[in-house]
Amino acid sequence: MDLKETDILGSSIDQHWYYASKAAATKRLLGDTPIKKFSMSVPAPGFLPTTC
């Protein structure tokens, strides 16, 4: 997700088919496993916050 998508979709982003399907697949895969680490993968040139 990039900043433009966040601005365009706003608070309804969790209802967008793409992000909702990614969230559902992640929940099916991980279940209730606690997340201890986070890895960010950028497949194409884009905005990468300096706080990562």
N, C-alpha and C. Protein backbone atom coordinates (compact mmCIF):
# COMPACT_ATOMS: atom_id res chain seq x y z
N MET A 1 0.85 -1.15 0.00
CA MET A 1 0.00 0.00 0.00
C MET A 1 0.90 1.22 0.00
N ASP A 2 0.55 2.19 -0.79
CA ASP A 2 1.33 3.42 -0.77
C ASP A 2 0.50 4.56 -0.21
N LEU A 3 1.14 5.70 -0.06
CA LEU A 3 0.46 6.83 0.55
C LEU A 3 -0.74 7.31 -0.26
N LYS A 4 -0.66 7.23 -1.59
CA LYS A 4 -1.79 7.64 -2.42
C LYS A 4 -3.00 6.77 -2.15
N GLU A 5 -2.79 5.46 -2.03
CA GLU A 5 -3.91 4.56 -1.77
C GLU A 5 -4.54 4.85 -0.43
N THR A 6 -3.73 5.13 0.56
CA THR A 6 -4.25 5.47 1.89
C THR A 6 -5.09 6.73 1.82
N ASP A 7 -4.61 7.74 1.09
CA ASP A 7 -5.36 8.99 0.96
C ASP A 7 -6.67 8.79 0.21
N ILE A 8 -6.63 8.00 -0.87
CA ILE A 8 -7.82 7.79 -1.70
C ILE A 8 -8.88 6.99 -0.96
N LEU A 9 -8.48 5.89 -0.33
CA LEU A 9 -9.45 5.00 0.31
C LEU A 9 -9.84 5.45 1.71
N GLY A 10 -8.95 6.18 2.38
CA GLY A 10 -9.26 6.69 3.71
C GLY A 10 -9.63 5.60 4.69
N SER A 11 -10.65 5.86 5.50
CA SER A 11 -11.04 4.91 6.55
C SER A 11 -11.72 3.66 6.00
N SER A 12 -12.08 3.64 4.71
CA SER A 12 -12.72 2.46 4.13
C SER A 12 -11.71 1.48 3.54
N ILE A 13 -10.42 1.70 3.80
CA ILE A 13 -9.39 0.85 3.22
C ILE A 13 -9.56 -0.61 3.64
N ASP A 14 -10.06 -0.86 4.84
CA ASP A 14 -10.23 -2.24 5.29
C ASP A 14 -11.39 -2.94 4.58
N GLN A 15 -12.19 -2.21 3.83
CA GLN A 15 -13.29 -2.80 3.07
C GLN A 15 -12.93 -3.02 1.60
N HIS A 16 -11.78 -2.53 1.16
CA HIS A 16 -11.36 -2.70 -0.23
C HIS A 16 -11.03 -4.17 -0.46
N TRP A 17 -11.48 -4.74 -1.57
CA TRP A 17 -11.34 -6.18 -1.82
C TRP A 17 -9.90 -6.66 -1.72
N TYR A 18 -8.95 -5.89 -2.21
CA TYR A 18 -7.56 -6.32 -2.24
C TYR A 18 -6.98 -6.44 -0.83
N TYR A 19 -7.17 -5.39 -0.03
CA TYR A 19 -6.61 -5.39 1.31
C TYR A 19 -7.39 -6.33 2.24
N ALA A 20 -8.69 -6.44 2.03
CA ALA A 20 -9.49 -7.37 2.84
C ALA A 20 -9.08 -8.82 2.55
N SER A 21 -8.82 -9.15 1.28
CA SER A 21 -8.42 -10.51 0.95
C SER A 21 -7.02 -10.82 1.47
N LYS A 22 -6.12 -9.84 1.43
CA LYS A 22 -4.77 -10.05 1.98
C LYS A 22 -4.84 -10.26 3.49
N ALA A 23 -5.66 -9.50 4.17
CA ALA A 23 -5.81 -9.65 5.62
C ALA A 23 -6.40 -11.01 5.97
N ALA A 24 -7.41 -11.44 5.21
CA ALA A 24 -8.04 -12.74 5.47
C ALA A 24 -7.05 -13.89 5.24
N ALA A 25 -6.27 -13.81 4.18
CA ALA A 25 -5.27 -14.85 3.89
C ALA A 25 -4.21 -14.89 4.98
N THR A 26 -3.78 -13.74 5.44
CA THR A 26 -2.78 -13.68 6.50
C THR A 26 -3.31 -14.28 7.78
N LYS A 27 -4.58 -13.99 8.11
CA LYS A 27 -5.19 -14.56 9.31
C LYS A 27 -5.33 -16.07 9.20
N ARG A 28 -5.69 -16.56 8.01
CA ARG A 28 -5.79 -18.02 7.81
C ARG A 28 -4.42 -18.67 7.96
N LEU A 29 -3.40 -18.03 7.44
CA LEU A 29 -2.05 -18.59 7.48
C LEU A 29 -1.45 -18.55 8.88
N LEU A 30 -1.58 -17.42 9.57
CA LEU A 30 -0.94 -17.24 10.87
C LEU A 30 -1.82 -17.58 12.06
N GLY A 31 -3.13 -17.54 11.88
CA GLY A 31 -4.04 -17.79 13.00
C GLY A 31 -3.83 -16.77 14.10
N ASP A 32 -3.68 -17.29 15.33
CA ASP A 32 -3.48 -16.40 16.49
C ASP A 32 -2.01 -16.26 16.87
N THR A 33 -1.12 -16.63 15.96
CA THR A 33 0.31 -16.52 16.22
C THR A 33 0.68 -15.06 16.48
N PRO A 34 1.33 -14.79 17.63
CA PRO A 34 1.72 -13.40 17.90
C PRO A 34 2.81 -12.94 16.93
N ILE A 35 2.71 -11.72 16.49
CA ILE A 35 3.71 -11.16 15.58
C ILE A 35 4.81 -10.53 16.40
N LYS A 36 6.03 -11.04 16.23
CA LYS A 36 7.17 -10.54 17.00
C LYS A 36 8.08 -9.67 16.15
N LYS A 37 8.07 -9.90 14.85
CA LYS A 37 8.91 -9.12 13.95
C LYS A 37 8.10 -8.73 12.72
N PHE A 38 8.52 -7.67 12.08
CA PHE A 38 7.84 -7.19 10.90
C PHE A 38 8.88 -6.93 9.82
N SER A 39 8.64 -7.45 8.64
CA SER A 39 9.54 -7.25 7.52
C SER A 39 8.80 -6.55 6.40
N MET A 40 9.41 -5.53 5.82
CA MET A 40 8.77 -4.79 4.75
C MET A 40 9.45 -5.14 3.43
N SER A 41 8.65 -5.54 2.46
CA SER A 41 9.19 -5.89 1.15
C SER A 41 8.61 -4.94 0.11
N VAL A 42 9.47 -4.35 -0.68
CA VAL A 42 9.04 -3.41 -1.71
C VAL A 42 9.45 -3.97 -3.05
N PRO A 43 8.48 -4.48 -3.85
CA PRO A 43 8.81 -5.11 -5.11
C PRO A 43 9.19 -4.14 -6.23
N ALA A 44 8.90 -2.89 -6.05
CA ALA A 44 9.20 -1.90 -7.09
C ALA A 44 9.64 -0.60 -6.41
N PRO A 45 10.27 0.28 -7.14
CA PRO A 45 10.65 1.55 -6.53
C PRO A 45 9.44 2.27 -5.96
N GLY A 46 9.60 2.80 -4.78
CA GLY A 46 8.49 3.50 -4.15
C GLY A 46 8.95 4.24 -2.92
N PHE A 47 8.01 4.74 -2.17
CA PHE A 47 8.30 5.49 -0.97
C PHE A 47 8.61 4.55 0.17
N LEU A 48 9.73 4.71 0.82
CA LEU A 48 10.11 3.91 1.97
C LEU A 48 10.39 4.86 3.13
N PRO A 49 9.53 4.82 4.14
CA PRO A 49 9.72 5.74 5.28
C PRO A 49 11.06 5.52 5.96
N THR A 50 11.64 6.57 6.45
CA THR A 50 12.93 6.46 7.11
C THR A 50 12.82 5.86 8.49
N THR A 51 11.59 5.68 9.00
CA THR A 51 11.41 5.12 10.34
C THR A 51 11.34 3.61 10.34
N CYS A 52 11.47 2.97 9.19
CA CYS A 52 11.40 1.50 9.12
C CYS A 52 12.65 0.87 9.66
